[in-house]
Amino acid sequence: MSAEIDVLDGQIARLCAAINPALLAARGVGPEVAATLLVAAGDNPHRMSSEAAFAALCGASPVEASSGKVVRHRLNSGGDRQANSALWRIVLVRMSCDPPTKAYVARRTLEGKSKEIIRCLKRHVAREVFRLLTNPPVVPSGVDLRSARLDAGITLATAAEVLGTWPTRISELERGLSHDAALACRYQLWLRPREAA
């Protein structure tokens, strides 16, 4: 059973990388989350007229829940629940390891707005994902990195240690199984002087 799961996870990662590598390169987006968001957007993400339409599709648009003089919003309970869950997972990852997101959470908590944090972050992530789906930037391919590393006689462990990450992360980047634009750029810059030598 575990072997089948690994095979399917690899297939999902390769398909997502072929369809939209920029989405996989976004912080907090893994193959399963990317696949869920790609399915929600469909084969023609340009059919969505705006990022607000995509947020509504994912159930991440704010819904007014005002009463009397109190003006407030609540989470949208409509939309694609799987896509909403994917946005939620991205938000949780960013809340734990992304410095700008952590700073935002701290600021909003001090303001006493802790109940609105996840709703606002999901809306922000939906905006970002919409741009990645409709106008994805070019993400550097890691395929040439492996050959450059091997030509320079550098081991995977050495590259990982210098770049401050795990060897498996470097290996996945080199094989095109994961995409991390920032890591790929740092890797290329580090390898460049060795290529010239």
N, C-alpha and C. Protein backbone atom coordinates (compact mmCIF):
# COMPACT_ATOMS: atom_id res chain seq x y z
N MET A 1 0.82 -1.19 0.00
CA MET A 1 0.00 0.00 0.00
C MET A 1 0.87 1.26 0.00
N SER A 2 1.91 1.28 0.84
CA SER A 2 2.80 2.44 0.93
C SER A 2 3.52 2.67 -0.39
N ALA A 3 3.91 1.60 -1.06
CA ALA A 3 4.61 1.73 -2.34
C ALA A 3 3.69 2.36 -3.39
N GLU A 4 2.42 1.95 -3.40
CA GLU A 4 1.46 2.53 -4.34
C GLU A 4 1.26 4.02 -4.08
N ILE A 5 1.19 4.40 -2.80
CA ILE A 5 1.02 5.80 -2.44
C ILE A 5 2.22 6.61 -2.93
N ASP A 6 3.42 6.08 -2.74
CA ASP A 6 4.63 6.77 -3.19
C ASP A 6 4.64 6.95 -4.70
N VAL A 7 4.22 5.91 -5.43
CA VAL A 7 4.17 5.99 -6.89
C VAL A 7 3.17 7.06 -7.32
N LEU A 8 1.98 7.05 -6.72
CA LEU A 8 0.96 8.03 -7.07
C LEU A 8 1.39 9.45 -6.70
N ASP A 9 2.03 9.61 -5.54
CA ASP A 9 2.54 10.93 -5.14
C ASP A 9 3.56 11.44 -6.14
N GLY A 10 4.43 10.55 -6.63
CA GLY A 10 5.41 10.93 -7.63
C GLY A 10 4.76 11.35 -8.94
N GLN A 11 3.71 10.62 -9.34
CA GLN A 11 2.99 10.96 -10.57
C GLN A 11 2.30 12.32 -10.44
N ILE A 12 1.69 12.57 -9.28
CA ILE A 12 1.02 13.86 -9.05
C ILE A 12 2.04 14.99 -9.10
N ALA A 13 3.19 14.77 -8.45
CA ALA A 13 4.23 15.81 -8.44
C ALA A 13 4.72 16.11 -9.86
N ARG A 14 4.94 15.07 -10.66
CA ARG A 14 5.41 15.28 -12.03
C ARG A 14 4.36 16.00 -12.89
N LEU A 15 3.10 15.62 -12.74
CA LEU A 15 2.04 16.26 -13.51
C LEU A 15 1.88 17.73 -13.14
N CYS A 16 1.90 18.02 -11.84
CA CYS A 16 1.78 19.42 -11.39
C CYS A 16 2.97 20.24 -11.87
N ALA A 17 4.16 19.64 -11.83
CA ALA A 17 5.37 20.34 -12.29
C ALA A 17 5.29 20.62 -13.79
N ALA A 18 4.70 19.71 -14.54
CA ALA A 18 4.57 19.91 -15.98
C ALA A 18 3.52 20.96 -16.31
N ILE A 19 2.44 21.00 -15.54
CA ILE A 19 1.33 21.92 -15.82
C ILE A 19 1.63 23.34 -15.33
N ASN A 20 2.09 23.45 -14.07
CA ASN A 20 2.31 24.78 -13.50
C ASN A 20 3.41 24.73 -12.43
N PRO A 21 4.68 24.78 -12.84
CA PRO A 21 5.77 24.72 -11.86
C PRO A 21 5.79 25.92 -10.91
N ALA A 22 5.27 27.05 -11.34
CA ALA A 22 5.25 28.24 -10.48
C ALA A 22 4.36 28.03 -9.26
N LEU A 23 3.28 27.30 -9.44
CA LEU A 23 2.39 27.02 -8.32
C LEU A 23 3.10 26.15 -7.29
N LEU A 24 3.83 25.14 -7.78
CA LEU A 24 4.59 24.28 -6.86
C LEU A 24 5.72 25.03 -6.17
N ALA A 25 6.21 26.08 -6.79
CA ALA A 25 7.32 26.84 -6.20
C ALA A 25 6.86 27.79 -5.10
N ALA A 26 5.56 28.03 -5.00
CA ALA A 26 5.04 28.95 -3.97
C ALA A 26 5.23 28.33 -2.60
N ARG A 27 5.52 29.17 -1.61
CA ARG A 27 5.74 28.70 -0.24
C ARG A 27 4.48 28.05 0.32
N GLY A 28 4.66 26.84 0.83
CA GLY A 28 3.55 26.13 1.45
C GLY A 28 2.74 25.27 0.50
N VAL A 29 3.11 25.25 -0.78
CA VAL A 29 2.35 24.48 -1.78
C VAL A 29 3.12 23.23 -2.13
N GLY A 30 2.56 22.09 -1.80
CA GLY A 30 3.13 20.81 -2.18
C GLY A 30 2.33 20.22 -3.33
N PRO A 31 2.72 19.04 -3.79
CA PRO A 31 2.02 18.43 -4.93
C PRO A 31 0.53 18.21 -4.72
N GLU A 32 0.12 17.75 -3.53
CA GLU A 32 -1.31 17.49 -3.29
C GLU A 32 -2.11 18.78 -3.29
N VAL A 33 -1.58 19.81 -2.64
CA VAL A 33 -2.26 21.10 -2.60
C VAL A 33 -2.34 21.70 -4.01
N ALA A 34 -1.23 21.63 -4.75
CA ALA A 34 -1.21 22.16 -6.11
C ALA A 34 -2.23 21.43 -6.99
N ALA A 35 -2.28 20.11 -6.87
CA ALA A 35 -3.23 19.33 -7.66
C ALA A 35 -4.67 19.72 -7.34
N THR A 36 -4.97 19.91 -6.06
CA THR A 36 -6.32 20.31 -5.65
C THR A 36 -6.69 21.66 -6.24
N LEU A 37 -5.76 22.61 -6.19
CA LEU A 37 -6.05 23.95 -6.72
C LEU A 37 -6.15 23.94 -8.24
N LEU A 38 -5.33 23.12 -8.90
CA LEU A 38 -5.42 23.02 -10.36
C LEU A 38 -6.75 22.41 -10.79
N VAL A 39 -7.22 21.42 -10.05
CA VAL A 39 -8.52 20.81 -10.35
C VAL A 39 -9.64 21.82 -10.14
N ALA A 40 -9.55 22.60 -9.05
CA ALA A 40 -10.58 23.61 -8.77
C ALA A 40 -10.64 24.65 -9.88
N ALA A 41 -9.47 25.06 -10.38
CA ALA A 41 -9.43 26.09 -11.43
C ALA A 41 -9.88 25.53 -12.77
N GLY A 42 -9.72 24.24 -12.98
CA GLY A 42 -10.11 23.64 -14.25
C GLY A 42 -9.05 23.82 -15.31
N ASP A 43 -9.34 23.34 -16.51
CA ASP A 43 -8.34 23.40 -17.58
C ASP A 43 -8.25 24.77 -18.23
N ASN A 44 -9.13 25.70 -17.86
CA ASN A 44 -9.07 27.05 -18.39
C ASN A 44 -9.25 28.05 -17.25
N PRO A 45 -8.17 28.32 -16.49
CA PRO A 45 -8.31 29.24 -15.37
C PRO A 45 -8.65 30.67 -15.78
N HIS A 46 -8.46 31.00 -17.07
CA HIS A 46 -8.77 32.35 -17.54
C HIS A 46 -10.27 32.61 -17.62
N ARG A 47 -11.08 31.55 -17.46
CA ARG A 47 -12.53 31.73 -17.47
C ARG A 47 -12.99 32.50 -16.24
N MET A 48 -12.16 32.47 -15.18
CA MET A 48 -12.49 33.24 -13.98
C MET A 48 -12.16 34.70 -14.26
N SER A 49 -13.12 35.55 -14.06
CA SER A 49 -12.96 36.95 -14.45
C SER A 49 -12.00 37.74 -13.57
N SER A 50 -11.84 37.31 -12.31
CA SER A 50 -10.99 38.09 -11.40
C SER A 50 -10.54 37.19 -10.25
N GLU A 51 -9.61 37.74 -9.46
CA GLU A 51 -9.16 37.00 -8.28
C GLU A 51 -10.28 36.86 -7.26
N ALA A 52 -11.21 37.80 -7.25
CA ALA A 52 -12.37 37.70 -6.35
C ALA A 52 -13.25 36.52 -6.75
N ALA A 53 -13.37 36.28 -8.06
CA ALA A 53 -14.15 35.13 -8.52
C ALA A 53 -13.48 33.82 -8.10
N PHE A 54 -12.15 33.77 -8.18
CA PHE A 54 -11.44 32.57 -7.75
C PHE A 54 -11.59 32.38 -6.24
N ALA A 55 -11.50 33.47 -5.48
CA ALA A 55 -11.67 33.38 -4.02
C ALA A 55 -13.06 32.87 -3.68
N ALA A 56 -14.08 33.34 -4.40
CA ALA A 56 -15.44 32.85 -4.17
C ALA A 56 -15.56 31.38 -4.54
N LEU A 57 -14.90 30.97 -5.64
CA LEU A 57 -14.90 29.57 -6.05
C LEU A 57 -14.31 28.68 -4.96
N CYS A 58 -13.27 29.19 -4.28
CA CYS A 58 -12.60 28.43 -3.22
C CYS A 58 -13.26 28.62 -1.85
N GLY A 59 -14.29 29.45 -1.78
CA GLY A 59 -14.93 29.71 -0.49
C GLY A 59 -14.05 30.53 0.43
N ALA A 60 -13.21 31.38 -0.14
CA ALA A 60 -12.30 32.21 0.66
C ALA A 60 -12.66 33.69 0.58
N SER A 61 -13.80 33.99 -0.01
CA SER A 61 -14.21 35.39 -0.07
C SER A 61 -14.97 35.74 1.20
N PRO A 62 -14.80 36.95 1.70
CA PRO A 62 -15.52 37.33 2.92
C PRO A 62 -17.01 37.50 2.65
N VAL A 63 -17.81 37.11 3.62
CA VAL A 63 -19.26 37.28 3.53
C VAL A 63 -19.67 38.23 4.64
N GLU A 64 -20.43 39.24 4.26
CA GLU A 64 -20.83 40.23 5.27
C GLU A 64 -21.80 39.59 6.26
N ALA A 65 -21.54 39.83 7.53
CA ALA A 65 -22.40 39.30 8.60
C ALA A 65 -22.68 40.41 9.60
N SER A 66 -22.96 41.61 9.08
CA SER A 66 -23.19 42.76 9.92
C SER A 66 -24.58 42.71 10.54
N SER A 67 -24.67 43.34 11.70
CA SER A 67 -25.95 43.42 12.39
C SER A 67 -26.03 44.77 13.09
N GLY A 68 -27.01 45.55 12.74
CA GLY A 68 -27.14 46.87 13.35
C GLY A 68 -25.95 47.74 13.03
N LYS A 69 -25.34 48.28 14.06
CA LYS A 69 -24.18 49.15 13.87
C LYS A 69 -22.86 48.38 13.81
N VAL A 70 -22.91 47.09 14.08
CA VAL A 70 -21.70 46.27 14.07
C VAL A 70 -21.44 45.78 12.65
N VAL A 71 -20.30 46.17 12.10
CA VAL A 71 -19.92 45.75 10.75
C VAL A 71 -18.85 44.68 10.88
N ARG A 72 -19.15 43.49 10.38
CA ARG A 72 -18.16 42.41 10.44
C ARG A 72 -18.37 41.47 9.26
N HIS A 73 -17.38 40.60 9.06
CA HIS A 73 -17.43 39.59 8.00
C HIS A 73 -17.18 38.22 8.61
N ARG A 74 -17.61 37.21 7.91
CA ARG A 74 -17.37 35.84 8.37
C ARG A 74 -16.81 35.02 7.22
N LEU A 75 -16.39 33.79 7.56
CA LEU A 75 -15.89 32.89 6.53
C LEU A 75 -17.02 32.46 5.61
N ASN A 76 -16.70 32.30 4.36
CA ASN A 76 -17.65 31.84 3.37
C ASN A 76 -17.78 30.32 3.50
N SER A 77 -18.99 29.85 3.69
CA SER A 77 -19.17 28.39 3.82
C SER A 77 -19.49 27.73 2.48
N GLY A 78 -19.49 28.51 1.41
CA GLY A 78 -19.76 27.95 0.09
C GLY A 78 -18.47 27.65 -0.66
N GLY A 79 -18.59 27.41 -1.93
CA GLY A 79 -17.41 27.16 -2.76
C GLY A 79 -16.90 25.74 -2.66
N ASP A 80 -15.81 25.49 -3.35
CA ASP A 80 -15.16 24.18 -3.39
C ASP A 80 -14.45 23.94 -2.05
N ARG A 81 -14.93 23.00 -1.28
CA ARG A 81 -14.39 22.77 0.06
C ARG A 81 -12.99 22.17 0.01
N GLN A 82 -12.67 21.40 -1.03
CA GLN A 82 -11.32 20.86 -1.16
C GLN A 82 -10.32 21.98 -1.45
N ALA A 83 -10.70 22.91 -2.31
CA ALA A 83 -9.82 24.05 -2.61
C ALA A 83 -9.67 24.93 -1.37
N ASN A 84 -10.75 25.09 -0.61
CA ASN A 84 -10.69 25.87 0.62
C ASN A 84 -9.74 25.22 1.61
N SER A 85 -9.79 23.90 1.68
CA SER A 85 -8.88 23.16 2.56
C SER A 85 -7.43 23.30 2.11
N ALA A 86 -7.21 23.34 0.80
CA ALA A 86 -5.86 23.53 0.27
C ALA A 86 -5.32 24.90 0.66
N LEU A 87 -6.15 25.93 0.55
CA LEU A 87 -5.73 27.27 0.97
C LEU A 87 -5.42 27.29 2.47
N TRP A 88 -6.24 26.61 3.24
CA TRP A 88 -6.04 26.54 4.70
C TRP A 88 -4.69 25.89 5.03
N ARG A 89 -4.33 24.82 4.29
CA ARG A 89 -3.04 24.17 4.53
C ARG A 89 -1.87 25.08 4.19
N ILE A 90 -2.00 25.85 3.11
CA ILE A 90 -0.94 26.81 2.76
C ILE A 90 -0.79 27.84 3.88
N VAL A 91 -1.92 28.34 4.37
CA VAL A 91 -1.90 29.34 5.45
C VAL A 91 -1.23 28.77 6.70
N LEU A 92 -1.55 27.53 7.06
CA LEU A 92 -0.95 26.93 8.26
C LEU A 92 0.56 26.79 8.12
N VAL A 93 1.01 26.38 6.94
CA VAL A 93 2.46 26.25 6.72
C VAL A 93 3.12 27.62 6.84
N ARG A 94 2.52 28.61 6.22
CA ARG A 94 3.11 29.95 6.26
C ARG A 94 3.08 30.54 7.67
N MET A 95 2.04 30.24 8.43
CA MET A 95 1.98 30.74 9.80
C MET A 95 3.08 30.15 10.68
N SER A 96 3.56 28.98 10.31
CA SER A 96 4.59 28.33 11.12
C SER A 96 6.01 28.65 10.67
N CYS A 97 6.21 28.99 9.38
CA CYS A 97 7.60 29.15 8.94
C CYS A 97 7.88 30.33 8.01
N ASP A 98 6.90 31.15 7.70
CA ASP A 98 7.11 32.28 6.80
C ASP A 98 7.17 33.57 7.63
N PRO A 99 8.35 34.23 7.69
CA PRO A 99 8.49 35.43 8.55
C PRO A 99 7.46 36.54 8.30
N PRO A 100 7.16 36.92 7.03
CA PRO A 100 6.14 37.97 6.86
C PRO A 100 4.76 37.56 7.39
N THR A 101 4.40 36.29 7.21
CA THR A 101 3.11 35.82 7.71
C THR A 101 3.11 35.81 9.23
N LYS A 102 4.20 35.38 9.84
CA LYS A 102 4.29 35.38 11.29
C LYS A 102 4.17 36.80 11.84
N ALA A 103 4.80 37.75 11.17
CA ALA A 103 4.71 39.15 11.61
C ALA A 103 3.28 39.67 11.49
N TYR A 104 2.60 39.29 10.41
CA TYR A 104 1.20 39.70 10.22
C TYR A 104 0.32 39.13 11.33
N VAL A 105 0.52 37.85 11.64
CA VAL A 105 -0.27 37.20 12.69
C VAL A 105 -0.03 37.90 14.03
N ALA A 106 1.22 38.21 14.33
CA ALA A 106 1.54 38.88 15.59
C ALA A 106 0.88 40.26 15.65
N ARG A 107 0.94 40.99 14.55
CA ARG A 107 0.35 42.34 14.52
C ARG A 107 -1.16 42.28 14.70
N ARG A 108 -1.82 41.38 13.98
CA ARG A 108 -3.28 41.28 14.06
C ARG A 108 -3.72 40.77 15.44
N THR A 109 -2.93 39.91 16.05
CA THR A 109 -3.26 39.42 17.39
C THR A 109 -3.19 40.55 18.40
N LEU A 110 -2.17 41.41 18.28
CA LEU A 110 -2.05 42.57 19.18
C LEU A 110 -3.22 43.53 19.00
N GLU A 111 -3.75 43.60 17.77
CA GLU A 111 -4.89 44.47 17.51
C GLU A 111 -6.21 43.87 18.01
N GLY A 112 -6.15 42.63 18.48
CA GLY A 112 -7.36 41.95 18.95
C GLY A 112 -8.21 41.38 17.84
N LYS A 113 -7.63 41.13 16.70
CA LYS A 113 -8.36 40.62 15.53
C LYS A 113 -8.00 39.18 15.23
N SER A 114 -7.74 38.39 16.26
CA SER A 114 -7.25 37.02 16.05
C SER A 114 -8.25 36.13 15.32
N LYS A 115 -9.55 36.39 15.44
CA LYS A 115 -10.54 35.55 14.77
C LYS A 115 -10.55 35.75 13.27
N GLU A 116 -10.04 36.88 12.80
CA GLU A 116 -10.06 37.19 11.37
C GLU A 116 -8.78 36.80 10.64
N ILE A 117 -7.77 36.36 11.37
CA ILE A 117 -6.45 36.14 10.76
C ILE A 117 -6.50 35.11 9.65
N ILE A 118 -7.04 33.95 9.93
CA ILE A 118 -7.03 32.88 8.92
C ILE A 118 -7.88 33.26 7.71
N ARG A 119 -9.02 33.89 7.94
CA ARG A 119 -9.88 34.32 6.82
C ARG A 119 -9.11 35.29 5.92
N CYS A 120 -8.45 36.27 6.52
CA CYS A 120 -7.70 37.26 5.74
C CYS A 120 -6.52 36.62 5.01
N LEU A 121 -5.83 35.71 5.69
CA LEU A 121 -4.69 35.04 5.04
C LEU A 121 -5.14 34.15 3.89
N LYS A 122 -6.27 33.46 4.06
CA LYS A 122 -6.77 32.62 2.96
C LYS A 122 -7.15 33.47 1.75
N ARG A 123 -7.70 34.64 2.01
CA ARG A 123 -8.04 35.55 0.90
C ARG A 123 -6.77 36.03 0.20
N HIS A 124 -5.75 36.34 0.98
CA HIS A 124 -4.47 36.76 0.40
C HIS A 124 -3.85 35.64 -0.43
N VAL A 125 -3.87 34.43 0.09
CA VAL A 125 -3.31 33.28 -0.64
C VAL A 125 -4.12 33.01 -1.90
N ALA A 126 -5.44 33.13 -1.83
CA ALA A 126 -6.28 32.93 -3.02
C ALA A 126 -5.90 33.94 -4.11
N ARG A 127 -5.62 35.18 -3.71
CA ARG A 127 -5.20 36.22 -4.65
C ARG A 127 -3.88 35.81 -5.33
N GLU A 128 -2.95 35.33 -4.51
CA GLU A 128 -1.64 34.90 -5.03
C GLU A 128 -1.77 33.70 -5.96
N VAL A 129 -2.56 32.71 -5.56
CA VAL A 129 -2.75 31.50 -6.36
C VAL A 129 -3.43 31.85 -7.69
N PHE A 130 -4.39 32.76 -7.66
CA PHE A 130 -5.04 33.17 -8.91
C PHE A 130 -4.03 33.71 -9.90
N ARG A 131 -3.12 34.56 -9.42
CA ARG A 131 -2.08 35.10 -10.31
C ARG A 131 -1.17 34.00 -10.83
N LEU A 132 -0.85 33.02 -9.97
CA LEU A 132 0.01 31.91 -10.41
C LEU A 132 -0.69 31.00 -11.42
N LEU A 133 -2.01 30.89 -11.31
CA LEU A 133 -2.77 30.05 -12.24
C LEU A 133 -2.98 30.74 -13.59
N THR A 134 -3.23 32.04 -13.57
CA THR A 134 -3.57 32.73 -14.81
C THR A 134 -2.36 33.34 -15.52
N ASN A 135 -1.32 33.67 -14.75
CA ASN A 135 -0.14 34.29 -15.35
C ASN A 135 1.11 33.80 -14.62
N PRO A 136 1.43 32.50 -14.75
CA PRO A 136 2.56 31.96 -13.98
C PRO A 136 3.90 32.50 -14.44
N PRO A 137 4.74 32.91 -13.49
CA PRO A 137 6.09 33.35 -13.88
C PRO A 137 6.95 32.15 -14.26
N VAL A 138 8.05 32.42 -14.94
CA VAL A 138 8.97 31.36 -15.32
C VAL A 138 9.74 30.92 -14.07
N VAL A 139 9.76 29.64 -13.83
CA VAL A 139 10.48 29.08 -12.68
C VAL A 139 11.71 28.37 -13.21
N PRO A 140 12.89 28.68 -12.66
CA PRO A 140 14.09 28.01 -13.17
C PRO A 140 14.00 26.50 -12.99
N SER A 141 14.40 25.80 -14.01
CA SER A 141 14.41 24.34 -13.95
C SER A 141 15.66 23.88 -13.22
N GLY A 142 15.52 22.83 -12.43
CA GLY A 142 16.66 22.33 -11.68
C GLY A 142 17.46 21.29 -12.43
N VAL A 143 17.04 20.94 -13.64
CA VAL A 143 17.68 19.85 -14.37
C VAL A 143 19.15 20.15 -14.66
N ASP A 144 19.48 21.38 -15.05
CA ASP A 144 20.86 21.72 -15.36
C ASP A 144 21.73 21.82 -14.10
N LEU A 145 21.11 21.95 -12.95
CA LEU A 145 21.87 22.09 -11.70
C LEU A 145 22.63 20.81 -11.36
N ARG A 146 22.00 19.67 -11.61
CA ARG A 146 22.66 18.39 -11.28
C ARG A 146 23.91 18.19 -12.10
N SER A 147 23.82 18.45 -13.39
CA SER A 147 25.00 18.24 -14.24
C SER A 147 26.11 19.23 -13.87
N ALA A 148 25.73 20.47 -13.53
CA ALA A 148 26.74 21.47 -13.12
C ALA A 148 27.40 21.05 -11.81
N ARG A 149 26.62 20.51 -10.90
CA ARG A 149 27.17 20.05 -9.61
C ARG A 149 28.12 18.89 -9.82
N LEU A 150 27.72 17.93 -10.65
CA LEU A 150 28.57 16.77 -10.90
C LEU A 150 29.85 17.15 -11.65
N ASP A 151 29.73 18.07 -12.60
CA ASP A 151 30.91 18.54 -13.34
C ASP A 151 31.92 19.21 -12.41
N ALA A 152 31.40 19.89 -11.38
CA ALA A 152 32.28 20.57 -10.42
C ALA A 152 32.79 19.61 -9.34
N GLY A 153 32.32 18.35 -9.36
CA GLY A 153 32.76 17.36 -8.38
C GLY A 153 32.23 17.61 -6.98
N ILE A 154 31.05 18.18 -6.89
CA ILE A 154 30.45 18.50 -5.59
C ILE A 154 29.42 17.44 -5.24
N THR A 155 29.46 16.96 -4.01
CA THR A 155 28.49 15.96 -3.57
C THR A 155 27.17 16.65 -3.22
N LEU A 156 26.15 15.84 -3.21
CA LEU A 156 24.82 16.33 -2.84
C LEU A 156 24.82 16.85 -1.40
N ALA A 157 25.50 16.13 -0.52
CA ALA A 157 25.56 16.53 0.90
C ALA A 157 26.27 17.87 1.07
N THR A 158 27.34 18.10 0.31
CA THR A 158 28.07 19.37 0.40
C THR A 158 27.19 20.53 -0.07
N ALA A 159 26.51 20.34 -1.20
CA ALA A 159 25.63 21.38 -1.72
C ALA A 159 24.52 21.71 -0.72
N ALA A 160 23.94 20.66 -0.13
CA ALA A 160 22.87 20.87 0.84
C ALA A 160 23.37 21.61 2.07
N GLU A 161 24.56 21.27 2.53
CA GLU A 161 25.11 21.92 3.72
C GLU A 161 25.38 23.41 3.46
N VAL A 162 25.97 23.72 2.31
CA VAL A 162 26.27 25.11 1.97
C VAL A 162 24.99 25.92 1.81
N LEU A 163 23.96 25.32 1.21
CA LEU A 163 22.71 26.03 0.95
C LEU A 163 21.75 26.01 2.13
N GLY A 164 22.12 25.28 3.18
CA GLY A 164 21.30 25.27 4.39
C GLY A 164 19.99 24.53 4.25
N THR A 165 20.02 23.41 3.56
CA THR A 165 18.80 22.63 3.40
C THR A 165 19.15 21.14 3.44
N TRP A 166 18.17 20.28 3.25
CA TRP A 166 18.39 18.84 3.29
C TRP A 166 18.83 18.33 1.92
N PRO A 167 19.67 17.28 1.89
CA PRO A 167 20.07 16.69 0.59
C PRO A 167 18.87 16.23 -0.25
N THR A 168 17.83 15.72 0.40
CA THR A 168 16.65 15.28 -0.37
C THR A 168 15.98 16.46 -1.08
N ARG A 169 16.00 17.64 -0.45
CA ARG A 169 15.41 18.84 -1.06
C ARG A 169 16.19 19.22 -2.31
N ILE A 170 17.53 19.15 -2.24
CA ILE A 170 18.38 19.44 -3.41
C ILE A 170 18.13 18.40 -4.50
N SER A 171 18.05 17.13 -4.10
CA SER A 171 17.82 16.06 -5.07
C SER A 171 16.49 16.23 -5.78
N GLU A 172 15.44 16.54 -5.02
CA GLU A 172 14.11 16.75 -5.63
C GLU A 172 14.13 17.94 -6.58
N LEU A 173 14.85 19.00 -6.20
CA LEU A 173 14.96 20.18 -7.06
C LEU A 173 15.68 19.83 -8.36
N GLU A 174 16.77 19.07 -8.25
CA GLU A 174 17.54 18.67 -9.44
C GLU A 174 16.74 17.77 -10.36
N ARG A 175 15.89 16.92 -9.79
CA ARG A 175 15.11 15.98 -10.61
C ARG A 175 13.80 16.57 -11.09
N GLY A 176 13.50 17.81 -10.68
CA GLY A 176 12.26 18.46 -11.11
C GLY A 176 11.03 17.99 -10.36
N LEU A 177 11.22 17.32 -9.21
CA LEU A 177 10.08 16.86 -8.43
C LEU A 177 9.53 17.94 -7.52
N SER A 178 10.36 18.93 -7.19
CA SER A 178 9.89 20.08 -6.42
C SER A 178 10.47 21.33 -7.05
N HIS A 179 9.82 22.44 -6.79
CA HIS A 179 10.25 23.71 -7.37
C HIS A 179 10.34 24.74 -6.25
N ASP A 180 11.47 25.37 -6.17
CA ASP A 180 11.69 26.42 -5.19
C ASP A 180 12.57 27.46 -5.88
N ALA A 181 11.93 28.52 -6.36
CA ALA A 181 12.65 29.51 -7.16
C ALA A 181 13.80 30.14 -6.40
N ALA A 182 13.58 30.45 -5.12
CA ALA A 182 14.63 31.09 -4.32
C ALA A 182 15.81 30.15 -4.14
N LEU A 183 15.54 28.89 -3.82
CA LEU A 183 16.61 27.91 -3.64
C LEU A 183 17.35 27.67 -4.96
N ALA A 184 16.61 27.56 -6.06
CA ALA A 184 17.24 27.33 -7.37
C ALA A 184 18.17 28.49 -7.74
N CYS A 185 17.74 29.72 -7.46
CA CYS A 185 18.59 30.89 -7.77
C CYS A 185 19.84 30.90 -6.91
N ARG A 186 19.68 30.60 -5.60
CA ARG A 186 20.86 30.55 -4.72
C ARG A 186 21.80 29.45 -5.16
N TYR A 187 21.24 28.32 -5.56
CA TYR A 187 22.03 27.17 -6.02
C TYR A 187 22.82 27.56 -7.28
N GLN A 188 22.14 28.20 -8.24
CA GLN A 188 22.81 28.61 -9.48
C GLN A 188 23.93 29.61 -9.20
N LEU A 189 23.67 30.58 -8.33
CA LEU A 189 24.69 31.57 -7.99
C LEU A 189 25.89 30.92 -7.31
N TRP A 190 25.65 29.94 -6.47
CA TRP A 190 26.74 29.25 -5.78
C TRP A 190 27.55 28.39 -6.76
N LEU A 191 26.87 27.78 -7.74
CA LEU A 191 27.57 26.93 -8.71
C LEU A 191 28.31 27.73 -9.79
N ARG A 192 27.87 28.94 -10.07
CA ARG A 192 28.43 29.74 -11.17
C ARG A 192 29.94 29.90 -11.10
N PRO A 193 30.55 30.28 -9.95
CA PRO A 193 32.01 30.42 -9.92
C PRO A 193 32.73 29.10 -10.19
N ARG A 194 32.12 28.00 -9.81
CA ARG A 194 32.73 26.69 -10.01
C ARG A 194 32.67 26.28 -11.48
N GLU A 195 31.59 26.72 -12.19
CA GLU A 195 31.50 26.42 -13.61
C GLU A 195 32.58 27.17 -14.40
N ALA A 196 32.87 28.40 -13.96
CA ALA A 196 33.86 29.21 -14.67
C ALA A 196 35.28 28.69 -14.45
N ALA A 197 35.50 28.01 -13.29
CA ALA A 197 36.86 27.53 -12.96
C ALA A 197 37.28 26.38 -13.84
